[in-house]
């Protein structure tokens, strides 16, 4: 009967490790956050939004984000050098496209 608790503990540990840094990965993947520690910022914004929500997701969401917070902190800390370079050099700023305005046609000039 001892293998079942070991298997259960391994499954729980595997699930926790598989969900490591979810908010960090989501914030970086979607590009919703920038700067330093984007996973922590995204988790805080999620908890603020969930405070006004109702239903099962509003009860489980903050708990899951709270469990994920140390892992997101660790992942954000590991990626801190990249975030610093991104903040120093401006990150992925896209230049605003200039709207194309039609040029007026010039009338032919007599020689």
C-alpha atoms as a PDB file:
ATOM      1  CA  UNK A   1       0.000   0.000   0.000  1.00  0.00           C
ATOM      2  CA  UNK A   2       3.002   2.318   0.204  1.00  0.00           C
ATOM      3  CA  UNK A   3       3.348   2.881  -3.580  1.00  0.00           C
ATOM      4  CA  UNK A   4       0.018   4.729  -3.800  1.00  0.00           C
ATOM      5  CA  UNK A   5       1.038   7.635  -1.507  1.00  0.00           C
ATOM      6  CA  UNK A   6       4.373   7.870  -3.318  1.00  0.00           C
ATOM      7  CA  UNK A   7       2.641   7.927  -6.701  1.00  0.00           C
ATOM      8  CA  UNK A   8       0.119  10.476  -5.421  1.00  0.00           C
ATOM      9  CA  UNK A   9       2.883  12.693  -4.035  1.00  0.00           C
ATOM     10  CA  UNK A  10       4.799  12.408  -7.318  1.00  0.00           C
ATOM     11  CA  UNK A  11       1.666  13.327  -9.292  1.00  0.00           C
ATOM     12  CA  UNK A  12       0.989  16.364  -7.099  1.00  0.00           C
ATOM     13  CA  UNK A  13       4.616  17.481  -7.325  1.00  0.00           C
ATOM     14  CA  UNK A  14       4.582  16.960 -11.089  1.00  0.00           C
ATOM     15  CA  UNK A  15       1.413  19.026 -11.398  1.00  0.00           C
ATOM     16  CA  UNK A  16       2.927  21.844  -9.375  1.00  0.00           C
ATOM     17  CA  UNK A  17       6.106  21.825 -11.433  1.00  0.00           C
ATOM     18  CA  UNK A  18       4.125  21.733 -14.685  1.00  0.00           C
ATOM     19  CA  UNK A  19       2.234  24.841 -13.646  1.00  0.00           C
ATOM     20  CA  UNK A  20       5.393  26.695 -12.627  1.00  0.00           C
ATOM     21  CA  UNK A  21       5.339  30.350 -13.565  1.00  0.00           C
ATOM     22  CA  UNK A  22       2.052  30.307 -15.465  1.00  0.00           C
ATOM     23  CA  UNK A  23       1.424  34.023 -14.973  1.00  0.00           C
ATOM     24  CA  UNK A  24       4.966  34.851 -16.116  1.00  0.00           C
ATOM     25  CA  UNK A  25       4.603  32.755 -19.225  1.00  0.00           C
ATOM     26  CA  UNK A  26       1.165  34.183 -19.982  1.00  0.00           C
ATOM     27  CA  UNK A  27       2.262  37.796 -19.501  1.00  0.00           C
ATOM     28  CA  UNK A  28       5.328  37.311 -21.690  1.00  0.00           C
ATOM     29  CA  UNK A  29       3.492  35.322 -24.347  1.00  0.00           C
ATOM     30  CA  UNK A  30       0.608  37.722 -24.745  1.00  0.00           C
ATOM     31  CA  UNK A  31       2.759  40.805 -24.284  1.00  0.00           C
ATOM     32  CA  UNK A  32       0.279  42.249 -21.816  1.00  0.00           C
ATOM     33  CA  UNK A  33       2.954  43.252 -19.321  1.00  0.00           C
ATOM     34  CA  UNK A  34       6.327  44.851 -19.760  1.00  0.00           C
ATOM     35  CA  UNK A  35       9.110  45.963 -17.482  1.00  0.00           C
ATOM     36  CA  UNK A  36      10.457  44.072 -14.526  1.00  0.00           C
ATOM     37  CA  UNK A  37       8.603  41.127 -12.952  1.00  0.00           C
ATOM     38  CA  UNK A  38       5.716  40.962 -15.450  1.00  0.00           C
ATOM     39  CA  UNK A  39       4.358  37.702 -13.992  1.00  0.00           C
ATOM     40  CA  UNK A  40       3.919  39.229 -10.539  1.00  0.00           C
ATOM     41  CA  UNK A  41       2.185  42.282 -12.054  1.00  0.00           C
ATOM     42  CA  UNK A  42      -0.132  40.072 -14.129  1.00  0.00           C
ATOM     43  CA  UNK A  43      -1.013  37.981 -11.062  1.00  0.00           C
ATOM     44  CA  UNK A  44      -1.858  41.088  -9.059  1.00  0.00           C
ATOM     45  CA  UNK A  45      -4.067  42.430 -11.853  1.00  0.00           C
ATOM     46  CA  UNK A  46      -5.797  39.061 -12.118  1.00  0.00           C
ATOM     47  CA  UNK A  47      -6.528  39.006  -8.393  1.00  0.00           C
ATOM     48  CA  UNK A  48      -7.925  42.555  -8.537  1.00  0.00           C
ATOM     49  CA  UNK A  49     -10.245  41.568 -11.388  1.00  0.00           C
ATOM     50  CA  UNK A  50     -11.306  38.350  -9.691  1.00  0.00           C
ATOM     51  CA  UNK A  51     -12.322  40.227  -6.551  1.00  0.00           C
ATOM     52  CA  UNK A  52     -15.298  41.693  -8.444  1.00  0.00           C
ATOM     53  CA  UNK A  53     -16.235  38.473 -10.267  1.00  0.00           C
ATOM     54  CA  UNK A  54     -18.703  35.803  -9.194  1.00  0.00           C
ATOM     55  CA  UNK A  55     -18.817  32.053  -9.711  1.00  0.00           C
ATOM     56  CA  UNK A  56     -16.415  29.158  -9.354  1.00  0.00           C
ATOM     57  CA  UNK A  57     -13.581  30.884 -11.231  1.00  0.00           C
ATOM     58  CA  UNK A  58     -13.653  33.771  -8.800  1.00  0.00           C
ATOM     59  CA  UNK A  59     -13.089  31.370  -5.907  1.00  0.00           C
ATOM     60  CA  UNK A  60     -10.403  29.174  -7.485  1.00  0.00           C
ATOM     61  CA  UNK A  61      -8.580  31.781  -9.564  1.00  0.00           C
ATOM     62  CA  UNK A  62      -7.009  33.784  -6.733  1.00  0.00           C
ATOM     63  CA  UNK A  63      -6.014  30.577  -4.941  1.00  0.00           C
ATOM     64  CA  UNK A  64      -4.255  29.259  -8.031  1.00  0.00           C
ATOM     65  CA  UNK A  65      -2.548  32.595  -8.665  1.00  0.00           C
ATOM     66  CA  UNK A  66      -1.431  32.693  -5.033  1.00  0.00           C
ATOM     67  CA  UNK A  67       0.085  29.210  -5.369  1.00  0.00           C
ATOM     68  CA  UNK A  68       1.751  30.267  -8.629  1.00  0.00           C
ATOM     69  CA  UNK A  69       3.207  33.501  -7.246  1.00  0.00           C
ATOM     70  CA  UNK A  70       6.474  32.031  -5.837  1.00  0.00           C
ATOM     71  CA  UNK A  71       7.091  30.163  -9.086  1.00  0.00           C
ATOM     72  CA  UNK A  72       6.372  33.260 -11.170  1.00  0.00           C
ATOM     73  CA  UNK A  73       8.702  35.237  -8.913  1.00  0.00           C
ATOM     74  CA  UNK A  74      11.457  32.650  -9.460  1.00  0.00           C
ATOM     75  CA  UNK A  75      10.952  32.619 -13.243  1.00  0.00           C
ATOM     76  CA  UNK A  76      10.821  36.414 -13.406  1.00  0.00           C
ATOM     77  CA  UNK A  77      14.028  36.577 -11.362  1.00  0.00           C
ATOM     78  CA  UNK A  78      15.729  34.103 -13.704  1.00  0.00           C
ATOM     79  CA  UNK A  79      14.672  36.205 -16.705  1.00  0.00           C
ATOM     80  CA  UNK A  80      15.552  39.504 -15.015  1.00  0.00           C
ATOM     81  CA  UNK A  81      18.650  40.151 -17.178  1.00  0.00           C
ATOM     82  CA  UNK A  82      16.527  39.930 -20.321  1.00  0.00           C
ATOM     83  CA  UNK A  83      13.902  42.225 -18.815  1.00  0.00           C
ATOM     84  CA  UNK A  84      16.593  44.754 -17.880  1.00  0.00           C
ATOM     85  CA  UNK A  85      17.961  44.747 -21.422  1.00  0.00           C
ATOM     86  CA  UNK A  86      14.435  45.166 -22.754  1.00  0.00           C
ATOM     87  CA  UNK A  87      13.786  48.152 -20.477  1.00  0.00           C
ATOM     88  CA  UNK A  88      17.101  49.792 -21.294  1.00  0.00           C
ATOM     89  CA  UNK A  89      16.828  49.442 -25.042  1.00  0.00           C
ATOM     90  CA  UNK A  90      13.117  50.124 -25.324  1.00  0.00           C
ATOM     91  CA  UNK A  91      11.792  46.593 -25.757  1.00  0.00           C
ATOM     92  CA  UNK A  92       9.513  45.784 -28.649  1.00  0.00           C
ATOM     93  CA  UNK A  93       8.227  49.220 -29.432  1.00  0.00           C
ATOM     94  CA  UNK A  94       6.664  49.329 -32.824  1.00  0.00           C
ATOM     95  CA  UNK A  95       6.688  52.570 -34.670  1.00  0.00           C
ATOM     96  CA  UNK A  96       3.268  53.872 -35.448  1.00  0.00           C
ATOM     97  CA  UNK A  97       2.529  53.484 -39.109  1.00  0.00           C
ATOM     98  CA  UNK A  98       2.057  56.779 -40.855  1.00  0.00           C
ATOM     99  CA  UNK A  99      -1.286  56.944 -42.604  1.00  0.00           C
ATOM    100  CA  UNK A 100      -0.787  57.173 -46.302  1.00  0.00           C
ATOM    101  CA  UNK A 101      -2.195  60.377 -47.702  1.00  0.00           C
ATOM    102  CA  UNK A 102      -2.785  60.574 -51.418  1.00  0.00           C
ATOM    103  CA  UNK A 103      -0.396  62.935 -53.162  1.00  0.00           C
ATOM    104  CA  UNK A 104      -2.064  65.486 -55.397  1.00  0.00           C
ATOM    105  CA  UNK A 105      -1.334  64.967 -59.051  1.00  0.00           C
ATOM    106  CA  UNK A 106       0.688  67.722 -60.592  1.00  0.00           C
ATOM    107  CA  UNK A 107      -0.445  69.243 -63.843  1.00  0.00           C
ATOM    108  CA  UNK A 108       2.074  69.001 -66.681  1.00  0.00           C
ATOM    109  CA  UNK A 109       4.180  72.148 -66.952  1.00  0.00           C
ATOM    110  CA  UNK A 110       4.582  73.797 -70.356  1.00  0.00           C
ATOM    111  CA  UNK A 111       8.189  74.056 -71.609  1.00  0.00           C
END
